[in-house]
Structures are given as structure tokens and as C-alpha cells.
Amino acid sequence: MQKNNAISLSLASKAPIAIVICCLGFILLALGSVFHLTNLLLALSVGALSAVLLLAYWHGKGGYFFILGLAAPMLSILFSELPDFWALGWVINGFFSGFAILLWVFKVKNR
């Protein structure tokens, strides 16, 4: 299996920008809707899980990690309480925040 370390390092270099964009998204969501802490914590953890699984795939650990990494966002949708459309926005933004935070940690660790 071919290792694609360049993909992970390229995405990790863009992680700080993604974190800033997600923070702006959180500000907009906070202005327009109710805060759902459990949904946010679930989405952040599933985003980090997805990043770990995709990093494992990009570092040559096997194709199962790719499938699981792409299926992980479904977990945050399935197990979240979504009383309105705004709650879905919190979940989606939380997922990408968790993903970006973990990639940023990966970048800092691999300097």
C-alpha cells in the first residue's frame, strides 16, 4: 500500500484557517439558535475520530480506516438530538472543528 503522507501534511497546514472559519460559524450559530452542548461534544469527538482514522489510512495502515473515516460523520448525525435545523448546523460545524483541531495537533506534533 502506498503511503500518502503529503495529503495529511497538506491538510494539517490548512487546519488553523479551518479552525478560525469554524469559530466564525459558531458565532453565527450562537446568534441565531440555542446552544446544544451534548450535540457539540459528540460532533467534536466524532470529527477527531474521523481525522484519526483518515490519518491512519494516509499513513498506510489499510483501506478499512478510509471506509470507517468516511462513515464516522454519520455517527454524529445518528446520535444527535436534532430538534431544529440550527441543531444540525451545530453538529456539522462541530464535526469540522473537531477534524481541524486534531489535524492542527498533528501538525504541531510533527514539526
PDB file of N, CA and C in Angstrom:
ATOM      1  N   MET A   1       0.833  -1.173   0.000  1.00  0.00           N
ATOM      2  CA  MET A   1       0.000   0.000   0.000  1.00  0.00           C
ATOM      3  C   MET A   1       0.883   1.243   0.000  1.00  0.00           C
ATOM      4  N   GLN A   2       0.523   2.206  -0.801  1.00  0.00           N
ATOM      5  CA  GLN A   2       1.283   3.440  -0.921  1.00  0.00           C
ATOM      6  C   GLN A   2       0.948   4.380   0.239  1.00  0.00           C
ATOM      7  N   LYS A   3       1.969   5.001   0.795  1.00  0.00           N
ATOM      8  CA  LYS A   3       1.745   5.972   1.866  1.00  0.00           C
ATOM      9  C   LYS A   3       1.541   7.353   1.253  1.00  0.00           C
ATOM     10  N   ASN A   4       0.564   8.084   1.760  1.00  0.00           N
ATOM     11  CA  ASN A   4       0.260   9.420   1.261  1.00  0.00           C
ATOM     12  C   ASN A   4       0.439  10.450   2.370  1.00  0.00           C
ATOM     13  N   ASN A   5       1.640  10.535   2.917  1.00  0.00           N
ATOM     14  CA  ASN A   5       1.901  11.486   3.994  1.00  0.00           C
ATOM     15  C   ASN A   5       1.712  12.925   3.539  1.00  0.00           C
ATOM     16  N   ALA A   6       1.918  13.189   2.257  1.00  0.00           N
ATOM     17  CA  ALA A   6       1.787  14.554   1.746  1.00  0.00           C
ATOM     18  C   ALA A   6       0.360  15.065   1.891  1.00  0.00           C
ATOM     19  N   ILE A   7      -0.621  14.176   1.750  1.00  0.00           N
ATOM     20  CA  ILE A   7      -2.019  14.586   1.897  1.00  0.00           C
ATOM     21  C   ILE A   7      -2.280  15.061   3.311  1.00  0.00           C
ATOM     22  N   SER A   8      -1.851  14.278   4.292  1.00  0.00           N
ATOM     23  CA  SER A   8      -2.117  14.650   5.682  1.00  0.00           C
ATOM     24  C   SER A   8      -1.380  15.928   6.064  1.00  0.00           C
ATOM     25  N   LEU A   9      -0.159  16.094   5.605  1.00  0.00           N
ATOM     26  CA  LEU A   9       0.587  17.308   5.937  1.00  0.00           C
ATOM     27  C   LEU A   9       0.012  18.531   5.234  1.00  0.00           C
ATOM     28  N   SER A  10      -0.498  18.348   4.027  1.00  0.00           N
ATOM     29  CA  SER A  10      -1.127  19.452   3.310  1.00  0.00           C
ATOM     30  C   SER A  10      -2.400  19.906   4.020  1.00  0.00           C
ATOM     31  N   LEU A  11      -3.230  18.944   4.424  1.00  0.00           N
ATOM     32  CA  LEU A  11      -4.446  19.299   5.158  1.00  0.00           C
ATOM     33  C   LEU A  11      -4.123  19.893   6.520  1.00  0.00           C
ATOM     34  N   ALA A  12      -3.111  19.365   7.179  1.00  0.00           N
ATOM     35  CA  ALA A  12      -2.740  19.873   8.501  1.00  0.00           C
ATOM     36  C   ALA A  12      -2.252  21.318   8.425  1.00  0.00           C
ATOM     37  N   SER A  13      -1.628  21.691   7.323  1.00  0.00           N
ATOM     38  CA  SER A  13      -1.157  23.071   7.195  1.00  0.00           C
ATOM     39  C   SER A  13      -2.311  24.054   7.033  1.00  0.00           C
ATOM     40  N   LYS A  14      -3.460  23.573   6.580  1.00  0.00           N
ATOM     41  CA  LYS A  14      -4.636  24.424   6.416  1.00  0.00           C
ATOM     42  C   LYS A  14      -5.547  24.413   7.644  1.00  0.00           C
ATOM     43  N   ALA A  15      -5.228  23.615   8.640  1.00  0.00           N
ATOM     44  CA  ALA A  15      -6.086  23.452   9.815  1.00  0.00           C
ATOM     45  C   ALA A  15      -6.312  24.745  10.599  1.00  0.00           C
ATOM     46  N   PRO A  16      -5.302  25.600  10.814  1.00  0.00           N
ATOM     47  CA  PRO A  16      -5.582  26.839  11.559  1.00  0.00           C
ATOM     48  C   PRO A  16      -6.622  27.732  10.882  1.00  0.00           C
ATOM     49  N   ILE A  17      -6.590  27.788   9.565  1.00  0.00           N
ATOM     50  CA  ILE A  17      -7.587  28.572   8.833  1.00  0.00           C
ATOM     51  C   ILE A  17      -8.972  27.966   9.029  1.00  0.00           C
ATOM     52  N   ALA A  18      -9.057  26.644   8.990  1.00  0.00           N
ATOM     53  CA  ALA A  18     -10.340  25.969   9.192  1.00  0.00           C
ATOM     54  C   ALA A  18     -10.875  26.202  10.600  1.00  0.00           C
ATOM     55  N   ILE A  19      -9.996  26.242  11.590  1.00  0.00           N
ATOM     56  CA  ILE A  19     -10.431  26.491  12.967  1.00  0.00           C
ATOM     57  C   ILE A  19     -11.022  27.891  13.088  1.00  0.00           C
ATOM     58  N   VAL A  20     -10.397  28.873  12.467  1.00  0.00           N
ATOM     59  CA  VAL A  20     -10.917  30.246  12.503  1.00  0.00           C
ATOM     60  C   VAL A  20     -12.280  30.318  11.823  1.00  0.00           C
ATOM     61  N   ILE A  21     -12.412  29.680  10.678  1.00  0.00           N
ATOM     62  CA  ILE A  21     -13.690  29.684   9.962  1.00  0.00           C
ATOM     63  C   ILE A  21     -14.772  29.001  10.790  1.00  0.00           C
ATOM     64  N   CYS A  22     -14.435  27.895  11.436  1.00  0.00           N
ATOM     65  CA  CYS A  22     -15.410  27.202  12.289  1.00  0.00           C
ATOM     66  C   CYS A  22     -15.802  28.058  13.490  1.00  0.00           C
ATOM     67  N   CYS A  23     -14.856  28.794  14.046  1.00  0.00           N
ATOM     68  CA  CYS A  23     -15.193  29.690  15.166  1.00  0.00           C
ATOM     69  C   CYS A  23     -16.164  30.777  14.716  1.00  0.00           C
ATOM     70  N   LEU A  24     -15.960  31.306  13.524  1.00  0.00           N
ATOM     71  CA  LEU A  24     -16.913  32.276  12.979  1.00  0.00           C
ATOM     72  C   LEU A  24     -18.284  31.636  12.785  1.00  0.00           C
ATOM     73  N   GLY A  25     -18.291  30.392  12.334  1.00  0.00           N
ATOM     74  CA  GLY A  25     -19.556  29.666  12.202  1.00  0.00           C
ATOM     75  C   GLY A  25     -20.244  29.480  13.539  1.00  0.00           C
ATOM     76  N   PHE A  26     -19.473  29.187  14.586  1.00  0.00           N
ATOM     77  CA  PHE A  26     -20.056  29.046  15.920  1.00  0.00           C
ATOM     78  C   PHE A  26     -20.652  30.364  16.409  1.00  0.00           C
ATOM     79  N   ILE A  27     -19.997  31.473  16.102  1.00  0.00           N
ATOM     80  CA  ILE A  27     -20.532  32.778  16.500  1.00  0.00           C
ATOM     81  C   ILE A  27     -21.865  33.031  15.813  1.00  0.00           C
ATOM     82  N   LEU A  28     -21.932  32.757  14.522  1.00  0.00           N
ATOM     83  CA  LEU A  28     -23.192  32.942  13.792  1.00  0.00           C
ATOM     84  C   LEU A  28     -24.286  32.017  14.315  1.00  0.00           C
ATOM     85  N   LEU A  29     -23.934  30.780  14.603  1.00  0.00           N
ATOM     86  CA  LEU A  29     -24.921  29.848  15.147  1.00  0.00           C
ATOM     87  C   LEU A  29     -25.398  30.287  16.528  1.00  0.00           C
ATOM     88  N   ALA A  30     -24.494  30.808  17.343  1.00  0.00           N
ATOM     89  CA  ALA A  30     -24.873  31.255  18.686  1.00  0.00           C
ATOM     90  C   ALA A  30     -25.811  32.458  18.630  1.00  0.00           C
ATOM     91  N   LEU A  31     -25.658  33.287  17.612  1.00  0.00           N
ATOM     92  CA  LEU A  31     -26.544  34.439  17.473  1.00  0.00           C
ATOM     93  C   LEU A  31     -27.949  34.038  17.046  1.00  0.00           C
ATOM     94  N   GLY A  32     -28.069  32.923  16.344  1.00  0.00           N
ATOM     95  CA  GLY A  32     -29.365  32.564  15.783  1.00  0.00           C
ATOM     96  C   GLY A  32     -30.057  31.375  16.391  1.00  0.00           C
ATOM     97  N   SER A  33     -29.438  30.692  17.351  1.00  0.00           N
ATOM     98  CA  SER A  33     -30.074  29.467  17.840  1.00  0.00           C
ATOM     99  C   SER A  33     -29.640  29.138  19.259  1.00  0.00           C
ATOM    100  N   VAL A  34     -30.229  28.083  19.763  1.00  0.00           N
ATOM    101  CA  VAL A  34     -29.936  27.589  21.107  1.00  0.00           C
ATOM    102  C   VAL A  34     -28.690  26.712  21.055  1.00  0.00           C
ATOM    103  N   PHE A  35     -27.878  26.791  22.095  1.00  0.00           N
ATOM    104  CA  PHE A  35     -26.653  26.007  22.206  1.00  0.00           C
ATOM    105  C   PHE A  35     -26.987  24.600  22.695  1.00  0.00           C
ATOM    106  N   HIS A  36     -26.508  23.572  21.979  1.00  0.00           N
ATOM    107  CA  HIS A  36     -26.714  22.168  22.351  1.00  0.00           C
ATOM    108  C   HIS A  36     -25.353  21.565  22.694  1.00  0.00           C
ATOM    109  N   LEU A  37     -25.024  21.547  23.983  1.00  0.00           N
ATOM    110  CA  LEU A  37     -23.702  21.098  24.425  1.00  0.00           C
ATOM    111  C   LEU A  37     -23.443  19.637  24.064  1.00  0.00           C
ATOM    112  N   THR A  38     -24.426  18.767  24.287  1.00  0.00           N
ATOM    113  CA  THR A  38     -24.204  17.342  24.007  1.00  0.00           C
ATOM    114  C   THR A  38     -23.969  17.105  22.519  1.00  0.00           C
ATOM    115  N   ASN A  39     -24.722  17.792  21.684  1.00  0.00           N
ATOM    116  CA  ASN A  39     -24.508  17.656  20.239  1.00  0.00           C
ATOM    117  C   ASN A  39     -23.118  18.132  19.848  1.00  0.00           C
ATOM    118  N   LEU A  40     -22.694  19.240  20.438  1.00  0.00           N
ATOM    119  CA  LEU A  40     -21.385  19.791  20.099  1.00  0.00           C
ATOM    120  C   LEU A  40     -20.260  18.869  20.550  1.00  0.00           C
ATOM    121  N   LEU A  41     -20.350  18.346  21.756  1.00  0.00           N
ATOM    122  CA  LEU A  41     -19.310  17.431  22.246  1.00  0.00           C
ATOM    123  C   LEU A  41     -19.246  16.159  21.410  1.00  0.00           C
ATOM    124  N   LEU A  42     -20.407  15.626  21.045  1.00  0.00           N
ATOM    125  CA  LEU A  42     -20.438  14.435  20.193  1.00  0.00           C
ATOM    126  C   LEU A  42     -19.816  14.735  18.830  1.00  0.00           C
ATOM    127  N   ALA A  43     -20.177  15.868  18.243  1.00  0.00           N
ATOM    128  CA  ALA A  43     -19.656  16.213  16.919  1.00  0.00           C
ATOM    129  C   ALA A  43     -18.151  16.461  16.955  1.00  0.00           C
ATOM    130  N   LEU A  44     -17.660  17.138  17.996  1.00  0.00           N
ATOM    131  CA  LEU A  44     -16.216  17.363  18.117  1.00  0.00           C
ATOM    132  C   LEU A  44     -15.461  16.047  18.235  1.00  0.00           C
ATOM    133  N   SER A  45     -15.984  15.133  19.044  1.00  0.00           N
ATOM    134  CA  SER A  45     -15.290  13.851  19.228  1.00  0.00           C
ATOM    135  C   SER A  45     -15.352  12.990  17.970  1.00  0.00           C
ATOM    136  N   VAL A  46     -16.474  13.011  17.274  1.00  0.00           N
ATOM    137  CA  VAL A  46     -16.572  12.226  16.036  1.00  0.00           C
ATOM    138  C   VAL A  46     -15.702  12.846  14.941  1.00  0.00           C
ATOM    139  N   GLY A  47     -15.588  14.162  14.909  1.00  0.00           N
ATOM    140  CA  GLY A  47     -14.685  14.812  13.963  1.00  0.00           C
ATOM    141  C   GLY A  47     -13.240  14.419  14.207  1.00  0.00           C
ATOM    142  N   ALA A  48     -12.853  14.380  15.480  1.00  0.00           N
ATOM    143  CA  ALA A  48     -11.494  13.950  15.820  1.00  0.00           C
ATOM    144  C   ALA A  48     -11.291  12.478  15.475  1.00  0.00           C
ATOM    145  N   LEU A  49     -12.299  11.652  15.741  1.00  0.00           N
ATOM    146  CA  LEU A  49     -12.222  10.227  15.391  1.00  0.00           C
ATOM    147  C   LEU A  49     -12.046  10.049  13.888  1.00  0.00           C
ATOM    148  N   SER A  50     -12.803  10.789  13.115  1.00  0.00           N
ATOM    149  CA  SER A  50     -12.693  10.702  11.660  1.00  0.00           C
ATOM    150  C   SER A  50     -11.298  11.117  11.193  1.00  0.00           C
ATOM    151  N   ALA A  51     -10.752  12.166  11.792  1.00  0.00           N
ATOM    152  CA  ALA A  51      -9.401  12.600  11.425  1.00  0.00           C
ATOM    153  C   ALA A  51      -8.364  11.537  11.765  1.00  0.00           C
ATOM    154  N   VAL A  52      -8.502  10.904  12.922  1.00  0.00           N
ATOM    155  CA  VAL A  52      -7.563   9.841  13.310  1.00  0.00           C
ATOM    156  C   VAL A  52      -7.632   8.685  12.321  1.00  0.00           C
ATOM    157  N   LEU A  53      -8.837   8.286  11.955  1.00  0.00           N
ATOM    158  CA  LEU A  53      -8.996   7.165  11.027  1.00  0.00           C
ATOM    159  C   LEU A  53      -8.428   7.498   9.649  1.00  0.00           C
ATOM    160  N   LEU A  54      -8.676   8.710   9.170  1.00  0.00           N
ATOM    161  CA  LEU A  54      -8.142   9.086   7.860  1.00  0.00           C
ATOM    162  C   LEU A  54      -6.626   9.274   7.901  1.00  0.00           C
ATOM    163  N   LEU A  55      -6.092   9.762   9.007  1.00  0.00           N
ATOM    164  CA  LEU A  55      -4.634   9.836   9.138  1.00  0.00           C
ATOM    165  C   LEU A  55      -4.019   8.442   9.108  1.00  0.00           C
ATOM    166  N   ALA A  56      -4.680   7.488   9.746  1.00  0.00           N
ATOM    167  CA  ALA A  56      -4.182   6.106   9.712  1.00  0.00           C
ATOM    168  C   ALA A  56      -4.179   5.582   8.279  1.00  0.00           C
ATOM    169  N   TYR A  57      -5.222   5.880   7.523  1.00  0.00           N
ATOM    170  CA  TYR A  57      -5.273   5.451   6.122  1.00  0.00           C
ATOM    171  C   TYR A  57      -4.163   6.117   5.313  1.00  0.00           C
ATOM    172  N   TRP A  58      -3.998   7.429   5.481  1.00  0.00           N
ATOM    173  CA  TRP A  58      -2.992   8.160   4.707  1.00  0.00           C
ATOM    174  C   TRP A  58      -1.579   7.727   5.050  1.00  0.00           C
ATOM    175  N   HIS A  59      -1.395   7.124   6.212  1.00  0.00           N
ATOM    176  CA  HIS A  59      -0.069   6.649   6.605  1.00  0.00           C
ATOM    177  C   HIS A  59       0.095   5.151   6.361  1.00  0.00           C
ATOM    178  N   GLY A  60      -0.775   4.593   5.520  1.00  0.00           N
ATOM    179  CA  GLY A  60      -0.584   3.238   5.034  1.00  0.00           C
ATOM    180  C   GLY A  60      -1.047   2.120   5.939  1.00  0.00           C
ATOM    181  N   LYS A  61      -2.025   2.360   6.793  1.00  0.00           N
ATOM    182  CA  LYS A  61      -2.475   1.319   7.722  1.00  0.00           C
ATOM    183  C   LYS A  61      -3.562   0.419   7.150  1.00  0.00           C
ATOM    184  N   GLY A  62      -4.161   0.772   6.035  1.00  0.00           N
ATOM    185  CA  GLY A  62      -5.149  -0.106   5.416  1.00  0.00           C
ATOM    186  C   GLY A  62      -6.409   0.627   4.992  1.00  0.00           C
ATOM    187  N   GLY A  63      -7.106   0.031   4.043  1.00  0.00           N
ATOM    188  CA  GLY A  63      -8.299   0.631   3.465  1.00  0.00           C
ATOM    189  C   GLY A  63      -9.499   0.682   4.386  1.00  0.00           C
ATOM    190  N   TYR A  64      -9.523  -0.187   5.403  1.00  0.00           N
ATOM    191  CA  TYR A  64     -10.639  -0.161   6.355  1.00  0.00           C
ATOM    192  C   TYR A  64     -10.713   1.187   7.074  1.00  0.00           C
ATOM    193  N   PHE A  65      -9.567   1.772   7.329  1.00  0.00           N
ATOM    194  CA  PHE A  65      -9.545   3.058   8.015  1.00  0.00           C
ATOM    195  C   PHE A  65     -10.178   4.152   7.161  1.00  0.00           C
ATOM    196  N   PHE A  66     -10.027   4.041   5.842  1.00  0.00           N
ATOM    197  CA  PHE A  66     -10.651   5.006   4.941  1.00  0.00           C
ATOM    198  C   PHE A  66     -12.171   4.897   5.013  1.00  0.00           C
ATOM    199  N   ILE A  67     -12.676   3.673   4.938  1.00  0.00           N
ATOM    200  CA  ILE A  67     -14.122   3.454   4.994  1.00  0.00           C
ATOM    201  C   ILE A  67     -14.684   3.934   6.326  1.00  0.00           C
ATOM    202  N   LEU A  68     -14.031   3.578   7.422  1.00  0.00           N
ATOM    203  CA  LEU A  68     -14.503   3.992   8.743  1.00  0.00           C
ATOM    204  C   LEU A  68     -14.395   5.505   8.926  1.00  0.00           C
ATOM    205  N   GLY A  69     -13.347   6.100   8.382  1.00  0.00           N
ATOM    206  CA  GLY A  69     -13.185   7.546   8.481  1.00  0.00           C
ATOM    207  C   GLY A  69     -14.260   8.311   7.738  1.00  0.00           C
ATOM    208  N   LEU A  70     -14.694   7.773   6.605  1.00  0.00           N
ATOM    209  CA  LEU A  70     -15.769   8.424   5.859  1.00  0.00           C
ATOM    210  C   LEU A  70     -17.141   8.144   6.458  1.00  0.00           C
ATOM    211  N   ALA A  71     -17.284   7.023   7.149  1.00  0.00           N
ATOM    212  CA  ALA A  71     -18.566   6.681   7.768  1.00  0.00           C
ATOM    213  C   ALA A  71     -18.755   7.351   9.129  1.00  0.00           C
ATOM    214  N   ALA A  72     -17.690   7.822   9.732  1.00  0.00           N
ATOM    215  CA  ALA A  72     -17.765   8.408  11.076  1.00  0.00           C
ATOM    216  C   ALA A  72     -18.722   9.599  11.181  1.00  0.00           C
ATOM    217  N   PRO A  73     -18.794  10.502  10.199  1.00  0.00           N
ATOM    218  CA  PRO A  73     -19.734  11.624  10.343  1.00  0.00           C
ATOM    219  C   PRO A  73     -21.188  11.183  10.496  1.00  0.00           C
ATOM    220  N   MET A  74     -21.498  10.024   9.964  1.00  0.00           N
ATOM    221  CA  MET A  74     -22.858   9.518  10.104  1.00  0.00           C
ATOM    222  C   MET A  74     -23.207   9.280  11.569  1.00  0.00           C
ATOM    223  N   LEU A  75     -22.200   8.924  12.378  1.00  0.00           N
ATOM    224  CA  LEU A  75     -22.438   8.711  13.807  1.00  0.00           C
ATOM    225  C   LEU A  75     -22.942   9.974  14.484  1.00  0.00           C
ATOM    226  N   SER A  76     -22.327  11.099  14.164  1.00  0.00           N
ATOM    227  CA  SER A  76     -22.747  12.338  14.815  1.00  0.00           C
ATOM    228  C   SER A  76     -24.157  12.740  14.408  1.00  0.00           C
ATOM    229  N   ILE A  77     -24.560  12.410  13.207  1.00  0.00           N
ATOM    230  CA  ILE A  77     -25.923  12.714  12.774  1.00  0.00           C
ATOM    231  C   ILE A  77     -26.914  11.748  13.423  1.00  0.00           C
ATOM    232  N   LEU A  78     -26.561  10.467  13.468  1.00  0.00           N
ATOM    233  CA  LEU A  78     -27.476   9.462  14.012  1.00  0.00           C
ATOM    234  C   LEU A  78     -27.729   9.619  15.505  1.00  0.00           C
ATOM    235  N   PHE A  79     -26.708   9.981  16.268  1.00  0.00           N
ATOM    236  CA  PHE A  79     -26.835  10.007  17.719  1.00  0.00           C
ATOM    237  C   PHE A  79     -27.089  11.397  18.292  1.00  0.00           C
ATOM    238  N   SER A  80     -27.271  12.393  17.458  1.00  0.00           N
ATOM    239  CA  SER A  80     -27.554  13.748  17.933  1.00  0.00           C
ATOM    240  C   SER A  80     -29.054  13.977  18.030  1.00  0.00           C
ATOM    241  N   GLU A  81     -29.432  14.808  18.993  1.00  0.00           N
ATOM    242  CA  GLU A  81     -30.819  15.263  19.063  1.00  0.00           C
ATOM    243  C   GLU A  81     -30.923  16.490  18.171  1.00  0.00           C
ATOM    244  N   LEU A  82     -31.774  16.406  17.181  1.00  0.00           N
ATOM    245  CA  LEU A  82     -31.889  17.491  16.207  1.00  0.00           C
ATOM    246  C   LEU A  82     -33.308  18.059  16.233  1.00  0.00           C
ATOM    247  N   PRO A  83     -33.609  18.942  17.197  1.00  0.00           N
ATOM    248  CA  PRO A  83     -34.960  19.493  17.280  1.00  0.00           C
ATOM    249  C   PRO A  83     -35.273  20.494  16.172  1.00  0.00           C
ATOM    250  N   ASP A  84     -34.243  21.095  15.598  1.00  0.00           N
ATOM    251  CA  ASP A  84     -34.457  22.047  14.515  1.00  0.00           C
ATOM    252  C   ASP A  84     -33.256  22.034  13.565  1.00  0.00           C
ATOM    253  N   PHE A  85     -33.380  22.821  12.520  1.00  0.00           N
ATOM    254  CA  PHE A  85     -32.335  22.869  11.503  1.00  0.00           C
ATOM    255  C   PHE A  85     -31.043  23.457  12.055  1.00  0.00           C
ATOM    256  N   TRP A  86     -31.150  24.387  12.984  1.00  0.00           N
ATOM    257  CA  TRP A  86     -29.968  25.011  13.577  1.00  0.00           C
ATOM    258  C   TRP A  86     -29.122  23.994  14.329  1.00  0.00           C
ATOM    259  N   ALA A  87     -29.770  23.029  14.966  1.00  0.00           N
ATOM    260  CA  ALA A  87     -29.028  21.993  15.695  1.00  0.00           C
ATOM    261  C   ALA A  87     -28.144  21.193  14.738  1.00  0.00           C
ATOM    262  N   LEU A  88     -28.636  20.966  13.537  1.00  0.00           N
ATOM    263  CA  LEU A  88     -27.823  20.283  12.529  1.00  0.00           C
ATOM    264  C   LEU A  88     -26.603  21.130  12.161  1.00  0.00           C
ATOM    265  N   GLY A  89     -26.777  22.434  12.107  1.00  0.00           N
ATOM    266  CA  GLY A  89     -25.645  23.326  11.856  1.00  0.00           C
ATOM    267  C   GLY A  89     -24.583  23.225  12.933  1.00  0.00           C
ATOM    268  N   TRP A  90     -25.022  23.131  14.204  1.00  0.00           N
ATOM    269  CA  TRP A  90     -24.075  22.942  15.308  1.00  0.00           C
ATOM    270  C   TRP A  90     -23.303  21.636  15.138  1.00  0.00           C
ATOM    271  N   VAL A  91     -24.002  20.582  14.734  1.00  0.00           N
ATOM    272  CA  VAL A  91     -23.359  19.270  14.582  1.00  0.00           C
ATOM    273  C   VAL A  91     -22.350  19.291  13.433  1.00  0.00           C
ATOM    274  N   ILE A  92     -22.742  19.838  12.310  1.00  0.00           N
ATOM    275  CA  ILE A  92     -21.841  19.871  11.148  1.00  0.00           C
ATOM    276  C   ILE A  92     -20.613  20.734  11.445  1.00  0.00           C
ATOM    277  N   ASN A  93     -20.838  21.906  12.017  1.00  0.00           N
ATOM    278  CA  ASN A  93     -19.714  22.786  12.341  1.00  0.00           C
ATOM    279  C   ASN A  93     -18.827  22.170  13.418  1.00  0.00           C
ATOM    280  N   GLY A  94     -19.432  21.493  14.379  1.00  0.00           N
ATOM    281  CA  GLY A  94     -18.659  20.812  15.415  1.00  0.00           C
ATOM    282  C   GLY A  94     -17.805  19.692  14.847  1.00  0.00           C
ATOM    283  N   PHE A  95     -18.360  18.958  13.887  1.00  0.00           N
ATOM    284  CA  PHE A  95     -17.586  17.886  13.250  1.00  0.00           C
ATOM    285  C   PHE A  95     -16.337  18.446  12.577  1.00  0.00           C
ATOM    286  N   PHE A  96     -16.516  19.487  11.769  1.00  0.00           N
ATOM    287  CA  PHE A  96     -15.369  20.055  11.070  1.00  0.00           C
ATOM    288  C   PHE A  96     -14.385  20.707  12.037  1.00  0.00           C
ATOM    289  N   SER A  97     -14.884  21.250  13.137  1.00  0.00           N
ATOM    290  CA  SER A  97     -13.983  21.808  14.151  1.00  0.00           C
ATOM    291  C   SER A  97     -13.137  20.716  14.786  1.00  0.00           C
ATOM    292  N   GLY A  98     -13.762  19.615  15.156  1.00  0.00           N
ATOM    293  CA  GLY A  98     -13.013  18.501  15.736  1.00  0.00           C
ATOM    294  C   GLY A  98     -11.975  17.956  14.776  1.00  0.00           C
ATOM    295  N   PHE A  99     -12.351  17.851  13.512  1.00  0.00           N
ATOM    296  CA  PHE A  99     -11.426  17.385  12.478  1.00  0.00           C
ATOM    297  C   PHE A  99     -10.237  18.342  12.363  1.00  0.00           C
ATOM    298  N   ALA A 100     -10.532  19.642  12.296  1.00  0.00           N
ATOM    299  CA  ALA A 100      -9.466  20.633  12.127  1.00  0.00           C
ATOM    300  C   ALA A 100      -8.573  20.722  13.359  1.00  0.00           C
ATOM    301  N   ILE A 101      -9.157  20.625  14.537  1.00  0.00           N
ATOM    302  CA  ILE A 101      -8.352  20.695  15.763  1.00  0.00           C
ATOM    303  C   ILE A 101      -7.383  19.523  15.825  1.00  0.00           C
ATOM    304  N   LEU A 102      -7.861  18.332  15.496  1.00  0.00           N
ATOM    305  CA  LEU A 102      -6.966  17.179  15.538  1.00  0.00           C
ATOM    306  C   LEU A 102      -5.869  17.291  14.486  1.00  0.00           C
ATOM    307  N   LEU A 103      -6.201  17.791  13.302  1.00  0.00           N
ATOM    308  CA  LEU A 103      -5.163  17.985  12.284  1.00  0.00           C
ATOM    309  C   LEU A 103      -4.154  19.044  12.717  1.00  0.00           C
ATOM    310  N   TRP A 104      -4.610  20.078  13.418  1.00  0.00           N
ATOM    311  CA  TRP A 104      -3.694  21.091  13.914  1.00  0.00           C
ATOM    312  C   TRP A 104      -2.751  20.494  14.960  1.00  0.00           C
ATOM    313  N   VAL A 105      -3.291  19.658  15.852  1.00  0.00           N
ATOM    314  CA  VAL A 105      -2.451  18.976  16.844  1.00  0.00           C
ATOM    315  C   VAL A 105      -1.434  18.080  16.138  1.00  0.00           C
ATOM    316  N   PHE A 106      -1.865  17.391  15.084  1.00  0.00           N
ATOM    317  CA  PHE A 106      -0.962  16.556  14.290  1.00  0.00           C
ATOM    318  C   PHE A 106       0.159  17.397  13.685  1.00  0.00           C
ATOM    319  N   LYS A 107      -0.190  18.575  13.177  1.00  0.00           N
ATOM    320  CA  LYS A 107       0.813  19.459  12.576  1.00  0.00           C
ATOM    321  C   LYS A 107       1.820  19.928  13.623  1.00  0.00           C
ATOM    322  N   VAL A 108       1.329  20.330  14.793  1.00  0.00           N
ATOM    323  CA  VAL A 108       2.221  20.805  15.854  1.00  0.00           C
ATOM    324  C   VAL A 108       3.142  19.684  16.315  1.00  0.00           C
ATOM    325  N   LYS A 109       2.596  18.485  16.424  1.00  0.00           N
ATOM    326  CA  LYS A 109       3.378  17.334  16.880  1.00  0.00           C
ATOM    327  C   LYS A 109       4.466  16.950  15.871  1.00  0.00           C
ATOM    328  N   ASN A 110       4.207  17.130  14.590  1.00  0.00           N
ATOM    329  CA  ASN A 110       5.133  16.686  13.541  1.00  0.00           C
ATOM    330  C   ASN A 110       5.946  17.824  12.931  1.00  0.00           C
ATOM    331  N   ARG A 111       6.258  18.816  13.693  1.00  0.00           N
ATOM    332  CA  ARG A 111       7.097  19.916  13.173  1.00  0.00           C
ATOM    333  C   ARG A 111       8.517  19.491  13.049  1.00  0.00           C
TER     334      ARG A 111
END
